[in-house]
Full PDB file with SEQRES, HELIX, SHEET, SSBOND, CRYST1, ORIGX, SCALE, CONECT and MASTER records, all heavy atoms in Angstrom:
SEQRES   1 A   31  ASP VAL ILE ALA ILE ARG ASP ALA GLU GLY THR GLU VAL          
SEQRES   2 A   31  ALA ARG GLY LEU ALA ASN TYR SER SER ALA GLU ALA ARG          
SEQRES   3 A   31  LEU ILE CYS ARG LYS                                          
HELIX    1 AA1 SER A   22  ILE A   28  1                                   7    
SHEET    1 AA1 2 VAL A   2  ARG A   6  0                                        
SHEET    2 AA1 2 GLU A  12  LEU A  17 -1                                        
CRYST1    1.000    1.000    1.000  90.00  90.00  90.00 P 1           1          
ORIGX1      1.000000  0.000000  0.000000        0.00000                         
ORIGX2      0.000000  1.000000  0.000000        0.00000                         
ORIGX3      0.000000  0.000000  1.000000        0.00000                         
SCALE1      1.000000  0.000000  0.000000        0.00000                         
SCALE2      0.000000  1.000000  0.000000        0.00000                         
SCALE3      0.000000  0.000000  1.000000        0.00000                         
ATOM      1  N   ASP A   1      32.508   4.379  30.261  1.00  0.00           N  
ATOM      2  CA  ASP A   1      33.298   3.158  30.412  1.00  0.00           C  
ATOM      3  C   ASP A   1      34.778   3.494  30.494  1.00  0.00           C  
ATOM      4  O   ASP A   1      35.241   4.536  30.001  1.00  0.00           O  
ATOM      5  CB  ASP A   1      33.068   2.209  29.232  1.00  0.00           C  
ATOM      6  CG  ASP A   1      31.741   1.475  29.314  1.00  0.00           C  
ATOM      7  OD1 ASP A   1      31.191   1.382  30.423  1.00  0.00           O  
ATOM      8  OD2 ASP A   1      31.251   1.001  28.270  1.00  0.00           O  
ATOM      9  N   VAL A   2      35.528   2.597  31.113  1.00  0.00           N  
ATOM     10  CA  VAL A   2      36.977   2.759  31.185  1.00  0.00           C  
ATOM     11  C   VAL A   2      37.611   2.133  29.951  1.00  0.00           C  
ATOM     12  O   VAL A   2      37.357   0.969  29.634  1.00  0.00           O  
ATOM     13  CB  VAL A   2      37.551   2.110  32.450  1.00  0.00           C  
ATOM     14  CG1 VAL A   2      39.071   2.203  32.448  1.00  0.00           C  
ATOM     15  CG2 VAL A   2      37.010   2.800  33.697  1.00  0.00           C  
ATOM     16  N   ILE A   3      38.413   2.919  29.249  1.00  0.00           N  
ATOM     17  CA  ILE A   3      39.079   2.435  28.048  1.00  0.00           C  
ATOM     18  C   ILE A   3      40.574   2.723  28.137  1.00  0.00           C  
ATOM     19  O   ILE A   3      41.014   3.560  28.927  1.00  0.00           O  
ATOM     20  CB  ILE A   3      38.510   3.083  26.771  1.00  0.00           C  
ATOM     21  CG1 ILE A   3      38.738   4.602  26.795  1.00  0.00           C  
ATOM     22  CG2 ILE A   3      37.010   2.770  26.630  1.00  0.00           C  
ATOM     23  CD1 ILE A   3      38.367   5.307  25.494  1.00  0.00           C  
ATOM     24  N   ALA A   4      41.341   2.010  27.335  1.00  0.00           N  
ATOM     25  CA  ALA A   4      42.787   2.196  27.306  1.00  0.00           C  
ATOM     26  C   ALA A   4      43.174   3.170  26.198  1.00  0.00           C  
ATOM     27  O   ALA A   4      42.483   3.293  25.186  1.00  0.00           O  
ATOM     28  CB  ALA A   4      43.484   0.863  27.080  1.00  0.00           C  
ATOM     29  N   ILE A   5      44.280   3.862  26.410  1.00  0.00           N  
ATOM     30  CA  ILE A   5      44.904   4.686  25.382  1.00  0.00           C  
ATOM     31  C   ILE A   5      46.193   3.983  24.971  1.00  0.00           C  
ATOM     32  O   ILE A   5      47.058   3.741  25.824  1.00  0.00           O  
ATOM     33  CB  ILE A   5      45.218   6.098  25.900  1.00  0.00           C  
ATOM     34  CG1 ILE A   5      43.945   6.806  26.364  1.00  0.00           C  
ATOM     35  CG2 ILE A   5      45.929   6.924  24.828  1.00  0.00           C  
ATOM     36  CD1 ILE A   5      44.206   8.140  27.039  1.00  0.00           C  
ATOM     37  N   ARG A   6      46.319   3.638  23.705  1.00  0.00           N  
ATOM     38  CA  ARG A   6      47.490   2.898  23.214  1.00  0.00           C  
ATOM     39  C   ARG A   6      48.203   3.685  22.138  1.00  0.00           C  
ATOM     40  O   ARG A   6      47.575   4.375  21.335  1.00  0.00           O  
ATOM     41  CB  ARG A   6      47.051   1.534  22.669  1.00  0.00           C  
ATOM     42  CG  ARG A   6      46.463   0.624  23.740  1.00  0.00           C  
ATOM     43  CD  ARG A   6      45.914  -0.648  23.155  1.00  0.00           C  
ATOM     44  NE  ARG A   6      45.350  -1.507  24.197  1.00  0.00           N  
ATOM     45  CZ  ARG A   6      44.385  -2.391  23.997  1.00  0.00           C  
ATOM     46  NH1 ARG A   6      43.860  -2.534  22.787  1.00  0.00           N  
ATOM     47  NH2 ARG A   6      43.929  -3.123  24.997  1.00  0.00           N  
ATOM     48  N   ASP A   7      49.536   3.565  22.137  1.00  0.00           N  
ATOM     49  CA  ASP A   7      50.314   4.242  21.107  1.00  0.00           C  
ATOM     50  C   ASP A   7      50.316   3.427  19.821  1.00  0.00           C  
ATOM     51  O   ASP A   7      49.666   2.362  19.743  1.00  0.00           O  
ATOM     52  CB  ASP A   7      51.729   4.540  21.595  1.00  0.00           C  
ATOM     53  CG  ASP A   7      52.530   3.282  21.929  1.00  0.00           C  
ATOM     54  OD1 ASP A   7      52.163   2.183  21.457  1.00  0.00           O  
ATOM     55  OD2 ASP A   7      53.518   3.403  22.678  1.00  0.00           O  
ATOM     56  N   ALA A   8      51.035   3.899  18.825  1.00  0.00           N  
ATOM     57  CA  ALA A   8      51.024   3.246  17.513  1.00  0.00           C  
ATOM     58  C   ALA A   8      51.549   1.819  17.562  1.00  0.00           C  
ATOM     59  O   ALA A   8      51.192   0.982  16.719  1.00  0.00           O  
ATOM     60  CB  ALA A   8      51.850   4.075  16.525  1.00  0.00           C  
ATOM     61  N   GLU A   9      52.373   1.496  18.555  1.00  0.00           N  
ATOM     62  CA  GLU A   9      52.921   0.142  18.687  1.00  0.00           C  
ATOM     63  C   GLU A   9      51.992  -0.772  19.490  1.00  0.00           C  
ATOM     64  O   GLU A   9      52.306  -1.954  19.695  1.00  0.00           O  
ATOM     65  CB  GLU A   9      54.295   0.182  19.365  1.00  0.00           C  
ATOM     66  CG  GLU A   9      55.423   0.721  18.488  1.00  0.00           C  
ATOM     67  CD  GLU A   9      55.308   2.217  18.257  1.00  0.00           C  
ATOM     68  OE1 GLU A   9      54.969   2.954  19.222  1.00  0.00           O  
ATOM     69  OE2 GLU A   9      55.532   2.648  17.110  1.00  0.00           O  
ATOM     70  N   GLY A  10      50.897  -0.238  19.993  1.00  0.00           N  
ATOM     71  CA  GLY A  10      49.960  -1.046  20.758  1.00  0.00           C  
ATOM     72  C   GLY A  10      50.235  -1.061  22.255  1.00  0.00           C  
ATOM     73  O   GLY A  10      49.559  -1.775  23.002  1.00  0.00           O  
ATOM     74  N   THR A  11      51.208  -0.282  22.709  1.00  0.00           N  
ATOM     75  CA  THR A  11      51.526  -0.230  24.131  1.00  0.00           C  
ATOM     76  C   THR A  11      50.557   0.693  24.859  1.00  0.00           C  
ATOM     77  O   THR A  11      50.308   1.814  24.401  1.00  0.00           O  
ATOM     78  CB  THR A  11      52.961   0.284  24.339  1.00  0.00           C  
ATOM     79  OG1 THR A  11      53.882  -0.576  23.652  1.00  0.00           O  
ATOM     80  CG2 THR A  11      53.319   0.322  25.823  1.00  0.00           C  
ATOM     81  N   GLU A  12      50.032   0.227  25.998  1.00  0.00           N  
ATOM     82  CA  GLU A  12      49.098   1.049  26.756  1.00  0.00           C  
ATOM     83  C   GLU A  12      49.842   2.205  27.422  1.00  0.00           C  
ATOM     84  O   GLU A  12      50.785   1.991  28.179  1.00  0.00           O  
ATOM     85  CB  GLU A  12      48.359   0.212  27.803  1.00  0.00           C  
ATOM     86  CG  GLU A  12      47.322   1.019  28.590  1.00  0.00           C  
ATOM     87  CD  GLU A  12      46.509   0.169  29.556  1.00  0.00           C  
ATOM     88  OE1 GLU A  12      46.098  -0.950  29.174  1.00  0.00           O  
ATOM     89  OE2 GLU A  12      46.312   0.623  30.701  1.00  0.00           O  
ATOM     90  N   VAL A  13      49.375   3.395  27.156  1.00  0.00           N  
ATOM     91  CA  VAL A  13      49.960   4.602  27.727  1.00  0.00           C  
ATOM     92  C   VAL A  13      49.202   5.016  28.983  1.00  0.00           C  
ATOM     93  O   VAL A  13      49.782   5.422  29.985  1.00  0.00           O  
ATOM     94  CB  VAL A  13      49.936   5.752  26.700  1.00  0.00           C  
ATOM     95  CG1 VAL A  13      50.445   7.053  27.321  1.00  0.00           C  
ATOM     96  CG2 VAL A  13      50.743   5.381  25.470  1.00  0.00           C  
ATOM     97  N   ALA A  14      47.877   4.924  28.905  1.00  0.00           N  
ATOM     98  CA  ALA A  14      47.024   5.372  30.006  1.00  0.00           C  
ATOM     99  C   ALA A  14      45.658   4.728  29.844  1.00  0.00           C  
ATOM    100  O   ALA A  14      45.387   4.029  28.869  1.00  0.00           O  
ATOM    101  CB  ALA A  14      46.917   6.888  30.000  1.00  0.00           C  
ATOM    102  N   ARG A  15      44.790   4.981  30.825  1.00  0.00           N  
ATOM    103  CA  ARG A  15      43.397   4.569  30.732  1.00  0.00           C  
ATOM    104  C   ARG A  15      42.539   5.593  31.459  1.00  0.00           C  
ATOM    105  O   ARG A  15      43.035   6.331  32.304  1.00  0.00           O  
ATOM    106  CB  ARG A  15      43.179   3.172  31.310  1.00  0.00           C  
ATOM    107  CG  ARG A  15      43.555   3.015  32.775  1.00  0.00           C  
ATOM    108  CD  ARG A  15      43.272   1.611  33.295  1.00  0.00           C  
ATOM    109  NE  ARG A  15      43.996   0.577  32.559  1.00  0.00           N  
ATOM    110  CZ  ARG A  15      43.925  -0.723  32.834  1.00  0.00           C  
ATOM    111  NH1 ARG A  15      43.151  -1.133  33.843  1.00  0.00           N  
ATOM    112  NH2 ARG A  15      44.607  -1.594  32.123  1.00  0.00           N  
ATOM    113  N   GLY A  16      41.264   5.625  31.097  1.00  0.00           N  
ATOM    114  CA  GLY A  16      40.405   6.612  31.735  1.00  0.00           C  
ATOM    115  C   GLY A  16      38.959   6.447  31.313  1.00  0.00           C  
ATOM    116  O   GLY A  16      38.595   5.507  30.596  1.00  0.00           O  
ATOM    117  N   LEU A  17      38.119   7.381  31.764  1.00  0.00           N  
ATOM    118  CA  LEU A  17      36.688   7.330  31.500  1.00  0.00           C  
ATOM    119  C   LEU A  17      36.377   8.027  30.183  1.00  0.00           C  
ATOM    120  O   LEU A  17      36.705   9.201  29.993  1.00  0.00           O  
ATOM    121  CB  LEU A  17      35.912   8.009  32.626  1.00  0.00           C  
ATOM    122  CG  LEU A  17      36.094   7.444  34.035  1.00  0.00           C  
ATOM    123  CD1 LEU A  17      35.251   8.240  35.024  1.00  0.00           C  
ATOM    124  CD2 LEU A  17      35.709   5.979  34.077  1.00  0.00           C  
ATOM    125  N   ALA A  18      35.723   7.296  29.277  1.00  0.00           N  
ATOM    126  CA  ALA A  18      35.407   7.832  27.957  1.00  0.00           C  
ATOM    127  C   ALA A  18      34.246   8.812  28.024  1.00  0.00           C  
ATOM    128  O   ALA A  18      33.213   8.538  28.642  1.00  0.00           O  
ATOM    129  CB  ALA A  18      35.063   6.690  27.008  1.00  0.00           C  
ATOM    130  N   ASN A  19      34.405   9.948  27.375  1.00  0.00           N  
ATOM    131  CA  ASN A  19      33.316  10.921  27.276  1.00  0.00           C  
ATOM    132  C   ASN A  19      32.381  10.619  26.119  1.00  0.00           C  
ATOM    133  O   ASN A  19      31.290  11.201  26.035  1.00  0.00           O  
ATOM    134  CB  ASN A  19      33.871  12.339  27.113  1.00  0.00           C  
ATOM    135  CG  ASN A  19      34.343  12.931  28.419  1.00  0.00           C  
ATOM    136  OD1 ASN A  19      33.847  12.581  29.492  1.00  0.00           O  
ATOM    137  ND2 ASN A  19      35.318  13.827  28.356  1.00  0.00           N  
ATOM    138  N   TYR A  20      32.814   9.705  25.225  1.00  0.00           N  
ATOM    139  CA  TYR A  20      31.992   9.344  24.070  1.00  0.00           C  
ATOM    140  C   TYR A  20      31.963   7.831  23.910  1.00  0.00           C  
ATOM    141  O   TYR A  20      32.910   7.131  24.285  1.00  0.00           O  
ATOM    142  CB  TYR A  20      32.547   9.991  22.792  1.00  0.00           C  
ATOM    143  CG  TYR A  20      32.466  11.501  22.805  1.00  0.00           C  
ATOM    144  CD1 TYR A  20      33.563  12.270  23.182  1.00  0.00           C  
ATOM    145  CD2 TYR A  20      31.288  12.155  22.449  1.00  0.00           C  
ATOM    146  CE1 TYR A  20      33.481  13.657  23.206  1.00  0.00           C  
ATOM    147  CE2 TYR A  20      31.206  13.537  22.467  1.00  0.00           C  
ATOM    148  CZ  TYR A  20      32.301  14.282  22.849  1.00  0.00           C  
ATOM    149  OH  TYR A  20      32.219  15.651  22.879  1.00  0.00           O  
ATOM    150  N   SER A  21      30.886   7.327  23.323  1.00  0.00           N  
ATOM    151  CA  SER A  21      30.792   5.899  23.040  1.00  0.00           C  
ATOM    152  C   SER A  21      31.737   5.545  21.901  1.00  0.00           C  
ATOM    153  O   SER A  21      32.266   6.421  21.202  1.00  0.00           O  
ATOM    154  CB  SER A  21      29.359   5.538  22.646  1.00  0.00           C  
ATOM    155  OG  SER A  21      29.034   6.112  21.380  1.00  0.00           O  
ATOM    156  N   SER A  22      31.929   4.252  21.687  1.00  0.00           N  
ATOM    157  CA  SER A  22      32.813   3.812  20.609  1.00  0.00           C  
ATOM    158  C   SER A  22      32.300   4.256  19.245  1.00  0.00           C  
ATOM    159  O   SER A  22      33.083   4.656  18.368  1.00  0.00           O  
ATOM    160  CB  SER A  22      32.960   2.288  20.651  1.00  0.00           C  
ATOM    161  OG  SER A  22      31.701   1.654  20.662  1.00  0.00           O  
ATOM    162  N   ALA A  23      30.977   4.198  19.056  1.00  0.00           N  
ATOM    163  CA  ALA A  23      30.402   4.636  17.774  1.00  0.00           C  
ATOM    164  C   ALA A  23      30.655   6.121  17.544  1.00  0.00           C  
ATOM    165  O   ALA A  23      31.017   6.542  16.428  1.00  0.00           O  
ATOM    166  CB  ALA A  23      28.908   4.338  17.755  1.00  0.00           C  
ATOM    167  N   GLU A  24      30.476   6.918  18.583  1.00  0.00           N  
ATOM    168  CA  GLU A  24      30.724   8.356  18.466  1.00  0.00           C  
ATOM    169  C   GLU A  24      32.206   8.628  18.283  1.00  0.00           C  
ATOM    170  O   GLU A  24      32.601   9.513  17.511  1.00  0.00           O  
ATOM    171  CB  GLU A  24      30.205   9.069  19.711  1.00  0.00           C  
ATOM    172  CG  GLU A  24      28.692   9.057  19.848  1.00  0.00           C  
ATOM    173  CD  GLU A  24      28.226   9.587  21.181  1.00  0.00           C  
ATOM    174  OE1 GLU A  24      28.916   9.344  22.196  1.00  0.00           O  
ATOM    175  OE2 GLU A  24      27.172  10.237  21.226  1.00  0.00           O  
ATOM    176  N   ALA A  25      33.051   7.861  18.988  1.00  0.00           N  
ATOM    177  CA  ALA A  25      34.497   8.061  18.896  1.00  0.00           C  
ATOM    178  C   ALA A  25      34.990   7.834  17.474  1.00  0.00           C  
ATOM    179  O   ALA A  25      35.891   8.540  16.990  1.00  0.00           O  
ATOM    180  CB  ALA A  25      35.213   7.125  19.860  1.00  0.00           C  
ATOM    181  N   ARG A  26      34.386   6.855  16.792  1.00  0.00           N  
ATOM    182  CA  ARG A  26      34.801   6.584  15.408  1.00  0.00           C  
ATOM    183  C   ARG A  26      34.436   7.749  14.489  1.00  0.00           C  
ATOM    184  O   ARG A  26      35.151   8.019  13.511  1.00  0.00           O  
ATOM    185  CB  ARG A  26      34.165   5.279  14.930  1.00  0.00           C  
ATOM    186  CG  ARG A  26      34.721   4.046  15.639  1.00  0.00           C  
ATOM    187  CD  ARG A  26      34.165   2.732  15.085  1.00  0.00           C  
ATOM    188  NE  ARG A  26      34.826   1.590  15.741  1.00  0.00           N  
ATOM    189  CZ  ARG A  26      34.313   0.915  16.749  1.00  0.00           C  
ATOM    190  NH1 ARG A  26      33.100   1.253  17.228  1.00  0.00           N  
ATOM    191  NH2 ARG A  26      34.974  -0.077  17.300  1.00  0.00           N  
ATOM    192  N   LEU A  27      33.349   8.434  14.805  1.00  0.00           N  
ATOM    193  CA  LEU A  27      32.933   9.567  13.980  1.00  0.00           C  
ATOM    194  C   LEU A  27      33.833  10.784  14.173  1.00  0.00           C  
ATOM    195  O   LEU A  27      34.079  11.540  13.218  1.00  0.00           O  
ATOM    196  CB  LEU A  27      31.484   9.944  14.317  1.00  0.00           C  
ATOM    197  CG  LEU A  27      30.395   8.958  13.907  1.00  0.00           C  
ATOM    198  CD1 LEU A  27      29.042   9.423  14.423  1.00  0.00           C  
ATOM    199  CD2 LEU A  27      30.356   8.814  12.380  1.00  0.00           C  
ATOM    200  N   ILE A  28      34.318  11.001  15.397  1.00  0.00           N  
ATOM    201  CA  ILE A  28      35.105  12.208  15.678  1.00  0.00           C  
ATOM    202  C   ILE A  28      36.598  11.947  15.694  1.00  0.00           C  
ATOM    203  O   ILE A  28      37.393  12.858  15.966  1.00  0.00           O  
ATOM    204  CB  ILE A  28      34.676  12.842  17.018  1.00  0.00           C  
ATOM    205  CG1 ILE A  28      34.879  11.868  18.181  1.00  0.00           C  
ATOM    206  CG2 ILE A  28      33.220  13.297  16.949  1.00  0.00           C  
ATOM    207  CD1 ILE A  28      34.536  12.469  19.549  1.00  0.00           C  
ATOM    208  N   CYS A  29      37.005  10.727  15.388  1.00  0.00           N  
ATOM    209  CA  CYS A  29      38.428  10.384  15.325  1.00  0.00           C  
ATOM    210  C   CYS A  29      39.123  11.275  14.288  1.00  0.00           C  
ATOM    211  O   CYS A  29      38.651  11.434  13.158  1.00  0.00           O  
ATOM    212  CB  CYS A  29      38.549   8.903  14.936  1.00  0.00           C  
ATOM    213  SG  CYS A  29      40.178   8.205  15.201  1.00  0.00           S  
ATOM    214  N   ARG A  30      40.230  11.907  14.688  1.00  0.00           N  
ATOM    215  CA  ARG A  30      41.029  12.810  13.846  1.00  0.00           C  
ATOM    216  C   ARG A  30      40.316  14.119  13.530  1.00  0.00           C  
ATOM    217  O   ARG A  30      40.740  14.866  12.644  1.00  0.00           O  
ATOM    218  CB  ARG A  30      41.435  12.139  12.521  1.00  0.00           C  
ATOM    219  CG  ARG A  30      42.129  10.819  12.647  1.00  0.00           C  
ATOM    220  CD  ARG A  30      43.409  10.906  13.448  1.00  0.00           C  
ATOM    221  NE  ARG A  30      44.533  11.495  12.731  1.00  0.00           N  
ATOM    222  CZ  ARG A  30      45.703  11.758  13.285  1.00  0.00           C  
ATOM    223  NH1 ARG A  30      45.903  11.532  14.578  1.00  0.00           N  
ATOM    224  NH2 ARG A  30      46.674  12.275  12.575  1.00  0.00           N  
ATOM    225  N   LYS A  31      39.252  14.425  14.286  1.00  0.00           N  
ATOM    226  CA  LYS A  31      38.474  15.626  13.998  1.00  0.00           C  
ATOM    227  C   LYS A  31      38.620  16.652  15.138  1.00  0.00           C  
ATOM    228  O   LYS A  31      38.713  16.298  16.314  1.00  0.00           O  
ATOM    229  CB  LYS A  31      36.994  15.280  13.846  1.00  0.00           C  
ATOM    230  CG  LYS A  31      36.692  14.317  12.703  1.00  0.00           C  
ATOM    231  CD  LYS A  31      37.006  14.933  11.354  1.00  0.00           C  
ATOM    232  CE  LYS A  31      36.435  14.115  10.221  1.00  0.00           C  
ATOM    233  NZ  LYS A  31      36.982  12.739  10.147  1.00  0.00           N  
TER     234      LYS A  31                                                      
MASTER        0    0    0    1    2    0    0    6  233    1    0    3          
END                                                                             
């Protein structure tokens, strides 16, 4: 899926194709 990349202020920096689902992304966040 196409998702947005946002900075700490919530501004969209970029968007692209996710290599992981949202559930998986939550597991590997900061890892």
